Amino acid sequence: MAANTIALSISSNLAASKHLNSLQTRGLIPPPTISFPLASAKSKAGDLSLSSTTVSRSPVRASASQLINEPVHDKQRSMNSPTVVQVDLGNRSYPIYIGAGLLDQSELLQRHVHGKRVLVVTNERVAPLYLDRTIDALTRGNPNVTVESVILPDGEKYKDMDTLMKVFDKAIESRLDRRCTFVALGGGVIGDMCGYAAASYLRGVNFIQIPTTVMAQVDSSVGGKTGINHRLGKNLIGAFYQPQCVLVDTDTLNTLPDREMASGLAEVIKYGLIRDAEFFEWQEKNIEALLARDPAALAYAIKRSCENKADVVSQDEKESGLRATLNLGHTFGHAIETGFGYGEWLHGEAVAAGTVMAVDMSYRLGWIDESIVERVNNILKRAKLPTTPPESMTVSMFKSIMAVDKKVADGLLRLILLKGPLGNCVFTGDYDREALDATLRAFSKC
C-alpha cells in the first residue's frame, strides 16, 4: 500500500547585520534570515511532498536592542515595542508579540478584545503570579470591560473533560455571550484547554494566548491546536481553532521551574533538526545560556522558533502534510506520556526521549549518519533532558498506544524521521517495519 510521504529540506541564508557583529562573533545571535521550502502537490499515488526548491521568506526581525534585552528601568522597558511574528492565514491571520514586560502594555491585549466580557482561564500555580497583572492589562483605562476568571488545577493529568467542564460552568454561570473573549494564561495544558473551550462555547468565541512556559511560547500557543487527553491517548479530542493573538512576555520565564525550562527546550531543538540546521548549530553553542535564562539567548530562541512554527502553520494549518513534521519524536513521546501516566513526565521530557528513538530508527534505516545521532544525544543531555524512556515502558505498550496515534492513516503508522543532512526530515509510512521493531527493542523491555 502506498504511503504518504513528506520530504522536508531547509536552506538557511543568514544575512549579516553590522549592529549585531559583536554578538555574532560570540555565537549568541546569528542574523535570522531563513529560507523555507515551497510546498507542492505530487499526484503520484496521492502522495503530497515538498520540493527541494526554496523560497526566501521575510519574517519580522527583532532589532538589536530587542534581542540584547539590556537591563533597563521597568517603566522604560514597558515602552519598548515588541518583536512581532505574523501567522499568515488570510482573514484569520494574527500576530505573535514577543518581548519583556509585555503584560504591562495594556494596548496589546485590549486591541484584540472585541466585546465587553472576558474570561481568563489559568491554573493554581500561575494565578498568584500573573492573574492580577493580566486583569489590569485588560481593564486599564477601559472601564467597559469586565473580567471573570477560572482557576484550574495544575498538571497534564487534569487535561480532561471533567476539568474542561469547569471552564464551561464559569462561562455559563457568568452569562458570557458570543462577543466575549477567553484568555489562556499559563502553559500548554491551559492553552490547549482554553482554546478548545473557546472553540466549543456557543459554537465559537474569540480567545487570546498568553503562554508562560518555554514549551507554550515556542510551540503550543501558536497554530491553533486545542484539545484534551483521553485515557487511551494524548490529544485525541480537540479542534483546530486559531487565537486572536499570542502575547509572549519573556519575563514570565523568570518564575518557571528549572525542570520546565529544560522541558521546553526539547521543542526548540526540534526545529533545528527538522528544518533549520543553522539554528541547531546555534543551539549547540548556546544551550547552557538558554538553561541559565540568558535574556538575549532566550529572546532569540523564542523568536526563531515562532518564525519556524508560523511559516509551517501558514502553509499547512490543519496538518495535512508539512505540519506533521513538527511532531518529530512525538509519536514515541506521546506513548510514553500515556503509558507512564499523564504528568509523571513533562511533555518535553517525553518528546526528548522520543526524539532519540526517532533518530535511532532513522540511523537504522540508513537515512542519516552516525554524527547526527551523537549530536542529538549530546545536546539533549546537555539540556538536562532524558534520552531513554522509563524502564516500565515495554514494546507491547509502545505498539498498542502508537496504534491509536493521530498520524495513523488507513491502519498505517506514519512517522517523522530524519533523512539526509541535518535539517531534513520525512513524514512517511514507507519504512522497514523491522527498523521500528529494532528501535523499540533497544529502548524498552520485550
Protein backbone atom coordinates (compact mmCIF):
# COMPACT_ATOMS: atom_id res chain seq x y z
CA MET A 1 0.00 0.00 0.00
CA ALA A 2 1.50 3.34 -1.00
CA ALA A 3 2.37 5.56 1.94
CA ASN A 4 2.03 9.30 2.16
CA THR A 5 5.48 10.76 2.27
CA ILE A 6 6.53 14.28 3.11
CA ALA A 7 10.12 15.30 2.48
CA LEU A 8 11.39 18.48 4.04
CA SER A 9 14.63 20.25 3.28
CA ILE A 10 15.77 23.62 4.55
CA SER A 11 18.19 26.08 3.16
CA SER A 12 19.33 28.79 5.55
CA ASN A 13 20.61 32.04 4.10
CA LEU A 14 21.60 34.32 7.01
CA ALA A 15 22.34 37.95 6.20
CA ALA A 16 24.77 39.84 8.44
CA SER A 17 23.91 42.93 10.40
CA LYS A 18 26.68 45.30 11.47
CA HIS A 19 24.92 46.20 14.69
CA LEU A 20 24.94 42.55 15.77
CA ASN A 21 28.53 41.78 14.79
CA SER A 22 29.80 41.51 18.32
CA LEU A 23 27.04 39.12 19.29
CA GLN A 24 27.54 37.05 16.16
CA THR A 25 31.24 36.71 16.91
CA ARG A 26 30.33 35.19 20.26
CA GLY A 27 27.89 32.86 18.51
CA LEU A 28 24.99 34.24 20.54
CA ILE A 29 22.82 36.00 17.95
CA PRO A 30 23.17 34.90 14.34
CA PRO A 31 21.18 37.13 11.97
CA PRO A 32 17.92 35.26 11.39
CA THR A 33 17.02 35.21 7.70
CA ILE A 34 15.62 31.75 6.97
CA SER A 35 14.75 30.29 3.57
CA PHE A 36 11.81 27.91 3.69
CA PRO A 37 10.74 25.18 1.24
CA LEU A 38 7.95 25.70 -1.24
CA ALA A 39 5.11 23.24 -0.80
CA SER A 40 3.89 21.43 -3.90
CA ALA A 41 1.35 18.72 -4.58
CA LYS A 42 2.52 15.48 -6.11
CA SER A 43 -0.04 13.42 -7.95
CA LYS A 44 1.69 10.04 -7.91
CA ALA A 45 -0.20 7.61 -5.68
CA GLY A 46 -1.85 10.55 -3.97
CA ASP A 47 1.37 11.50 -2.18
CA LEU A 48 1.99 15.04 -1.04
CA SER A 49 5.57 16.20 -0.94
CA LEU A 50 7.70 19.30 -0.66
CA SER A 51 10.02 20.17 -3.48
CA SER A 52 13.60 20.97 -2.66
CA THR A 53 13.13 24.37 -4.28
CA THR A 54 13.44 27.06 -1.66
CA VAL A 55 11.80 30.43 -1.45
CA SER A 56 13.14 33.27 0.64
CA ARG A 57 10.71 34.46 3.26
CA SER A 58 11.00 37.66 5.28
CA PRO A 59 9.59 37.19 8.77
CA VAL A 60 9.64 40.24 11.03
CA ARG A 61 13.08 40.74 12.51
CA ALA A 62 13.97 41.74 16.04
CA SER A 63 16.12 44.81 16.36
CA ALA A 64 19.45 44.53 18.13
CA SER A 65 18.11 46.19 21.25
CA GLN A 66 15.19 43.78 21.40
CA LEU A 67 17.49 40.78 21.10
CA ILE A 68 20.08 42.05 23.55
CA ASN A 69 17.45 42.83 26.21
CA GLU A 70 19.81 45.07 28.15
CA PRO A 71 18.59 45.77 31.70
CA VAL A 72 16.50 48.92 31.80
CA HIS A 73 14.14 50.56 34.21
CA ASP A 74 10.74 48.84 34.33
CA LYS A 75 8.88 51.91 33.05
CA GLN A 76 11.30 52.33 30.19
CA ARG A 77 11.07 48.65 29.33
CA SER A 78 7.29 48.76 29.26
CA MET A 79 7.51 51.33 26.47
CA ASN A 80 9.66 49.10 24.23
CA SER A 81 7.96 47.84 21.11
CA PRO A 82 7.62 44.06 20.94
CA THR A 83 9.02 41.90 18.20
CA VAL A 84 6.10 40.75 16.04
CA VAL A 85 5.93 37.49 14.09
CA GLN A 86 2.85 37.13 11.88
CA VAL A 87 0.93 33.90 11.36
CA ASP A 88 -0.40 34.30 7.83
CA LEU A 89 -3.83 32.68 7.48
CA GLY A 90 -5.68 35.17 5.33
CA ASN A 91 -8.53 36.81 7.21
CA ARG A 92 -7.67 34.72 10.28
CA SER A 93 -4.06 35.91 10.45
CA TYR A 94 -2.77 37.03 13.83
CA PRO A 95 0.36 38.43 15.48
CA ILE A 96 2.72 36.84 17.97
CA TYR A 97 4.06 39.60 20.23
CA ILE A 98 7.44 38.77 21.80
CA GLY A 99 9.28 40.82 24.40
CA ALA A 100 9.96 41.61 28.03
CA GLY A 101 7.30 43.35 30.13
CA LEU A 102 4.50 42.97 27.59
CA LEU A 103 1.90 42.34 30.29
CA ASP A 104 2.44 45.99 31.24
CA GLN A 105 1.47 47.15 27.74
CA SER A 106 -2.30 47.05 28.05
CA GLU A 107 -2.96 48.21 24.49
CA LEU A 108 -1.52 44.98 23.07
CA LEU A 109 -4.26 42.89 24.69
CA GLN A 110 -7.08 45.39 24.52
CA ARG A 111 -6.87 45.80 20.74
CA HIS A 112 -7.84 42.10 20.43
CA VAL A 113 -10.82 42.19 22.81
CA HIS A 114 -13.92 42.98 20.75
CA GLY A 115 -16.69 42.61 23.33
CA LYS A 116 -17.15 43.73 26.91
CA ARG A 117 -16.74 40.40 28.69
CA VAL A 118 -13.54 38.42 29.24
CA LEU A 119 -12.88 35.07 30.89
CA VAL A 120 -9.30 34.38 31.97
CA VAL A 121 -8.50 30.66 32.27
CA THR A 122 -5.44 29.90 34.37
CA ASN A 123 -4.16 27.44 36.98
CA GLU A 124 -3.26 27.34 40.65
CA ARG A 125 0.45 27.96 40.03
CA VAL A 126 0.18 30.80 37.54
CA ALA A 127 -2.77 32.69 39.09
CA PRO A 128 -0.89 34.05 42.14
CA LEU A 129 1.91 35.27 39.87
CA TYR A 130 0.19 36.85 36.87
CA LEU A 131 -3.61 36.87 37.13
CA ASP A 132 -3.91 40.34 38.71
CA ARG A 133 -1.48 41.83 36.17
CA THR A 134 -3.43 40.27 33.32
CA ILE A 135 -6.74 41.61 34.60
CA ASP A 136 -5.15 45.04 34.98
CA ALA A 137 -3.83 44.89 31.41
CA LEU A 138 -7.30 44.02 30.14
CA THR A 139 -9.13 46.74 32.05
CA ARG A 140 -6.67 49.64 32.49
CA GLY A 141 -8.30 52.75 31.02
CA ASN A 142 -11.12 50.57 29.75
CA PRO A 143 -13.89 50.51 32.39
CA ASN A 144 -16.41 48.98 29.99
CA VAL A 145 -14.65 45.61 30.10
CA THR A 146 -15.40 43.19 32.92
CA VAL A 147 -13.21 40.17 33.62
CA GLU A 148 -14.10 36.83 35.15
CA SER A 149 -11.56 34.13 35.93
CA VAL A 150 -11.50 30.39 36.47
CA ILE A 151 -8.54 28.77 38.23
CA LEU A 152 -7.95 25.13 37.32
CA PRO A 153 -5.74 22.53 38.99
CA ASP A 154 -2.24 22.35 37.54
CA GLY A 155 -0.85 19.48 35.53
CA GLU A 156 -1.24 17.24 32.49
CA LYS A 157 -3.36 14.77 34.45
CA TYR A 158 -6.09 17.40 34.65
CA LYS A 159 -6.25 17.95 30.89
CA ASP A 160 -9.52 16.07 30.67
CA MET A 161 -13.26 16.51 30.15
CA ASP A 162 -14.05 16.93 33.86
CA THR A 163 -11.65 19.86 34.20
CA LEU A 164 -12.78 21.37 30.90
CA MET A 165 -16.34 21.47 32.24
CA LYS A 166 -15.21 23.90 34.93
CA VAL A 167 -14.47 26.44 32.19
CA PHE A 168 -17.91 25.95 30.65
CA ASP A 169 -19.54 26.15 34.10
CA LYS A 170 -17.93 29.53 34.77
CA ALA A 171 -18.79 30.89 31.33
CA ILE A 172 -22.43 29.83 31.56
CA GLU A 173 -22.86 30.98 35.16
CA SER A 174 -21.39 34.36 34.16
CA ARG A 175 -23.78 34.54 31.18
CA LEU A 176 -20.99 35.26 28.73
CA ASP A 177 -22.25 35.91 25.21
CA ARG A 178 -20.78 35.32 21.75
CA ARG A 179 -18.83 38.58 21.82
CA CYS A 180 -16.85 37.51 24.86
CA THR A 181 -13.14 36.66 24.77
CA PHE A 182 -11.41 33.77 26.53
CA VAL A 183 -7.81 34.34 27.63
CA ALA A 184 -5.43 31.42 28.23
CA LEU A 185 -2.90 32.38 30.91
CA GLY A 186 -0.46 29.55 31.55
CA GLY A 187 1.44 26.74 29.87
CA GLY A 188 0.50 24.26 27.20
CA VAL A 189 -2.22 22.49 29.19
CA ILE A 190 -4.07 25.73 29.92
CA GLY A 191 -3.65 26.95 26.34
CA ASP A 192 -4.97 23.70 24.86
CA MET A 193 -7.98 23.54 27.19
CA CYS A 194 -8.89 27.23 26.99
CA GLY A 195 -8.63 27.11 23.20
CA TYR A 196 -10.86 24.05 22.99
CA ALA A 197 -13.36 25.66 25.35
CA ALA A 198 -13.38 28.78 23.16
CA ALA A 199 -13.88 26.66 20.03
CA SER A 200 -16.86 24.90 21.63
CA TYR A 201 -18.59 27.53 23.79
CA LEU A 202 -21.60 28.93 21.91
CA ARG A 203 -20.03 27.22 18.85
CA GLY A 204 -17.01 29.51 18.96
CA VAL A 205 -15.83 32.69 20.73
CA ASN A 206 -12.62 34.69 20.43
CA PHE A 207 -9.61 33.76 22.51
CA ILE A 208 -6.10 35.04 23.26
CA GLN A 209 -2.99 33.09 24.25
CA ILE A 210 -0.65 34.35 27.00
CA PRO A 211 1.86 31.49 27.33
CA THR A 212 4.03 31.44 30.47
CA THR A 213 6.32 28.44 29.77
CA VAL A 214 9.03 27.90 27.16
CA MET A 215 7.06 24.96 25.79
CA ALA A 216 3.99 27.09 25.20
CA GLN A 217 5.87 30.16 23.99
CA VAL A 218 7.81 28.35 21.27
CA ASP A 219 5.22 25.80 20.22
CA SER A 220 1.80 25.01 21.66
CA SER A 221 0.37 28.56 21.81
CA VAL A 222 0.99 29.06 18.07
CA GLY A 223 -1.03 27.37 15.36
CA GLY A 224 -4.46 26.73 16.85
CA LYS A 225 -4.15 23.14 18.06
CA THR A 226 -6.51 22.81 21.02
CA GLY A 227 -7.87 19.85 22.94
CA ILE A 228 -7.80 17.45 25.84
CA ASN A 229 -6.46 13.97 26.54
CA HIS A 230 -8.31 10.67 26.65
CA ARG A 231 -7.22 7.84 28.91
CA LEU A 232 -6.31 5.85 25.77
CA GLY A 233 -4.27 8.56 24.09
CA LYS A 234 -2.99 12.11 24.27
CA ASN A 235 -4.77 14.99 22.50
CA LEU A 236 -7.28 12.69 20.81
CA ILE A 237 -10.17 15.10 21.46
CA GLY A 238 -9.87 18.65 20.15
CA ALA A 239 -10.12 21.15 17.31
CA PHE A 240 -8.04 23.45 15.16
CA TYR A 241 -9.01 26.92 16.39
CA GLN A 242 -6.80 29.98 15.98
CA PRO A 243 -6.37 32.71 18.62
CA GLN A 244 -6.73 36.44 18.04
CA CYS A 245 -3.14 36.94 19.12
CA VAL A 246 -0.33 35.36 21.13
CA LEU A 247 1.38 37.55 23.72
CA VAL A 248 4.77 36.20 24.82
CA ASP A 249 6.05 38.13 27.84
CA THR A 250 9.52 36.66 28.29
CA ASP A 251 9.62 37.97 31.88
CA THR A 252 7.21 35.19 32.86
CA LEU A 253 10.05 32.71 32.38
CA ASN A 254 11.76 34.20 35.45
CA THR A 255 9.36 32.21 37.65
CA LEU A 256 9.48 28.98 35.63
CA PRO A 257 10.93 25.96 37.49
CA ASP A 258 14.22 24.63 36.11
CA ARG A 259 12.65 21.32 35.11
CA GLU A 260 10.03 23.04 32.97
CA MET A 261 12.65 25.32 31.46
CA ALA A 262 14.59 22.27 30.26
CA SER A 263 11.40 20.58 29.07
CA GLY A 264 10.58 23.45 26.74
CA LEU A 265 13.99 23.26 25.09
CA ALA A 266 13.04 19.91 23.55
CA GLU A 267 10.70 21.75 21.18
CA VAL A 268 13.33 24.39 20.39
CA ILE A 269 15.83 21.66 19.47
CA LYS A 270 13.19 20.02 17.26
CA TYR A 271 13.03 22.99 14.88
CA GLY A 272 16.76 22.78 14.21
CA LEU A 273 16.65 19.07 13.49
CA ILE A 274 13.75 19.06 11.05
CA ARG A 275 14.14 22.29 9.08
CA ASP A 276 16.73 24.78 10.35
CA ALA A 277 20.26 23.37 10.58
CA GLU A 278 21.91 26.71 11.36
CA PHE A 279 19.53 27.19 14.29
CA PHE A 280 20.58 23.77 15.62
CA GLU A 281 24.24 24.75 15.32
CA TRP A 282 23.48 27.94 17.25
CA GLN A 283 21.76 25.85 19.93
CA GLU A 284 24.83 23.66 20.29
CA LYS A 285 26.84 26.80 21.11
CA ASN A 286 24.24 28.32 23.42
CA ILE A 287 22.36 25.54 25.22
CA GLU A 288 23.93 26.43 28.57
CA ALA A 289 22.99 30.09 28.06
CA LEU A 290 19.39 29.03 27.48
CA LEU A 291 19.36 26.93 30.65
CA ALA A 292 20.84 29.89 32.54
CA ARG A 293 17.95 32.05 31.20
CA ASP A 294 20.21 34.47 29.39
CA PRO A 295 17.73 37.11 28.16
CA ALA A 296 19.32 37.56 24.74
CA ALA A 297 19.59 33.84 24.09
CA LEU A 298 16.00 33.20 25.17
CA ALA A 299 14.65 36.10 23.11
CA TYR A 300 16.40 34.82 20.02
CA ALA A 301 15.40 31.16 20.53
CA ILE A 302 11.74 32.07 21.08
CA LYS A 303 11.64 34.37 18.05
CA ARG A 304 13.38 31.90 15.73
CA SER A 305 11.14 29.05 16.92
CA CYS A 306 8.00 31.13 16.39
CA GLU A 307 9.15 32.08 12.88
CA ASN A 308 9.58 28.41 12.01
CA LYS A 309 6.23 27.44 13.52
CA ALA A 310 4.38 30.36 11.91
CA ASP A 311 5.76 29.52 8.48
CA VAL A 312 4.68 25.88 8.74
CA VAL A 313 1.19 26.74 10.04
CA SER A 314 0.73 29.31 7.28
CA GLN A 315 1.36 26.60 4.69
CA ASP A 316 -0.47 23.69 6.36
CA GLU A 317 -2.87 24.83 9.07
CA LYS A 318 -4.65 21.51 9.63
CA GLU A 319 -1.71 19.13 9.38
CA SER A 320 -2.37 17.53 6.02
CA GLY A 321 1.35 17.02 5.50
CA LEU A 322 4.05 19.59 6.23
CA ARG A 323 2.80 20.47 9.71
CA ALA A 324 3.07 16.84 10.79
CA THR A 325 6.85 17.19 10.60
CA LEU A 326 6.67 19.37 13.72
CA ASN A 327 5.87 16.15 15.58
CA LEU A 328 9.40 14.72 15.47
CA GLY A 329 9.69 12.40 18.49
CA HIS A 330 6.06 12.98 19.46
CA THR A 331 4.66 9.59 18.42
CA PHE A 332 7.12 7.82 20.72
CA GLY A 333 6.81 10.63 23.29
CA HIS A 334 3.02 10.57 23.45
CA ALA A 335 3.19 6.82 24.00
CA ILE A 336 5.49 7.45 26.97
CA GLU A 337 3.14 10.06 28.44
CA THR A 338 0.10 7.83 28.02
CA GLY A 339 1.74 4.59 29.14
CA PHE A 340 3.71 6.04 32.05
CA GLY A 341 0.84 8.22 33.25
CA TYR A 342 -0.07 11.81 32.31
CA GLY A 343 2.04 14.24 34.30
CA GLU A 344 4.64 11.74 35.50
CA TRP A 345 6.98 13.05 32.82
CA LEU A 346 6.68 16.55 31.41
CA HIS A 347 5.78 16.73 27.73
CA GLY A 348 9.23 17.92 26.67
CA GLU A 349 10.90 15.14 28.63
CA ALA A 350 8.86 12.53 26.79
CA VAL A 351 9.48 14.26 23.45
CA ALA A 352 13.24 14.29 24.15
CA ALA A 353 13.33 10.53 24.71
CA GLY A 354 11.04 10.08 21.71
CA THR A 355 13.34 12.19 19.56
CA VAL A 356 16.29 9.96 20.43
CA MET A 357 14.19 6.93 19.42
CA ALA A 358 13.17 8.55 16.11
CA VAL A 359 16.80 9.43 15.39
CA ASP A 360 17.89 5.89 16.26
CA MET A 361 15.33 4.47 13.85
CA SER A 362 16.44 6.92 11.14
CA TYR A 363 20.01 5.67 11.57
CA ARG A 364 18.94 2.01 11.43
CA LEU A 365 17.20 2.76 8.13
CA GLY A 366 20.46 4.20 6.78
CA TRP A 367 18.92 7.64 6.32
CA ILE A 368 21.35 9.65 8.49
CA ASP A 369 24.96 9.27 9.50
CA GLU A 370 26.20 8.46 12.99
CA SER A 371 27.38 12.01 13.68
CA ILE A 372 23.77 13.25 13.79
CA VAL A 373 22.88 10.53 16.30
CA GLU A 374 25.76 11.62 18.50
CA ARG A 375 24.93 15.34 18.23
CA VAL A 376 21.27 14.78 19.15
CA ASN A 377 22.16 12.68 22.18
CA ASN A 378 24.77 15.21 23.26
CA ILE A 379 22.59 18.33 23.06
CA LEU A 380 19.67 16.66 24.86
CA LYS A 381 21.94 15.51 27.67
CA ARG A 382 23.42 19.00 27.96
CA ALA A 383 19.84 20.33 28.13
CA LYS A 384 19.28 18.02 31.12
CA LEU A 385 16.64 16.01 29.26
CA PRO A 386 16.17 12.21 29.29
CA THR A 387 17.42 10.22 26.32
CA THR A 388 15.72 6.92 27.15
CA PRO A 389 12.09 6.12 28.07
CA PRO A 390 11.06 5.00 31.56
CA GLU A 391 12.07 1.43 32.40
CA SER A 392 8.42 0.46 32.82
CA MET A 393 7.70 1.01 29.11
CA THR A 394 7.53 -2.22 27.09
CA VAL A 395 7.49 -2.94 23.36
CA SER A 396 3.85 -4.02 23.56
CA MET A 397 2.91 -0.80 25.40
CA PHE A 398 4.54 1.31 22.74
CA LYS A 399 2.85 -0.58 19.92
CA SER A 400 -0.65 -0.57 21.41
CA ILE A 401 -0.57 3.15 22.21
CA MET A 402 1.05 4.16 18.92
CA ALA A 403 -1.67 2.24 17.07
CA VAL A 404 -4.19 4.97 18.00
CA ASP A 405 -1.84 7.88 17.24
CA LYS A 406 -3.42 10.71 15.24
CA LYS A 407 -0.94 10.15 12.42
CA VAL A 408 -2.23 6.63 11.70
CA ALA A 409 -3.94 6.58 8.27
CA ASP A 410 -5.81 3.53 6.97
CA GLY A 411 -4.17 1.42 9.63
CA LEU A 412 -0.66 2.59 8.69
CA LEU A 413 1.51 4.27 11.32
CA ARG A 414 3.28 7.22 9.75
CA LEU A 415 6.34 8.63 11.49
CA ILE A 416 8.51 11.73 11.29
CA LEU A 417 12.10 10.62 10.73
CA LEU A 418 15.32 12.39 9.82
CA LYS A 419 16.68 11.77 6.34
CA GLY A 420 19.72 13.27 4.68
CA PRO A 421 21.84 16.14 6.04
CA LEU A 422 20.94 17.88 9.29
CA GLY A 423 17.77 19.95 8.90
CA ASN A 424 15.92 17.46 6.68
CA CYS A 425 13.14 15.05 7.60
CA VAL A 426 10.36 12.93 6.12
CA PHE A 427 6.81 12.19 7.21
CA THR A 428 6.17 8.70 5.93
CA GLY A 429 4.70 5.27 6.39
CA ASP A 430 7.11 3.83 3.84
CA TYR A 431 9.80 2.32 6.05
CA ASP A 432 11.11 -1.12 7.01
CA ARG A 433 8.99 -2.34 9.95
CA GLU A 434 12.00 -4.27 11.27
CA ALA A 435 13.76 -0.95 11.92
CA LEU A 436 10.87 0.20 14.10
CA ASP A 437 10.83 -3.12 15.97
CA ALA A 438 14.59 -2.95 16.48
CA THR A 439 14.37 0.56 17.92
CA LEU A 440 11.56 -0.43 20.28
CA ARG A 441 13.52 -3.47 21.46
CA ALA A 442 16.63 -1.36 22.00
CA PHE A 443 14.84 1.20 24.18
CA SER A 444 12.24 -0.87 26.07
CA LYS A 445 11.55 -4.28 27.54
CA CYS A 446 10.15 -7.01 25.32
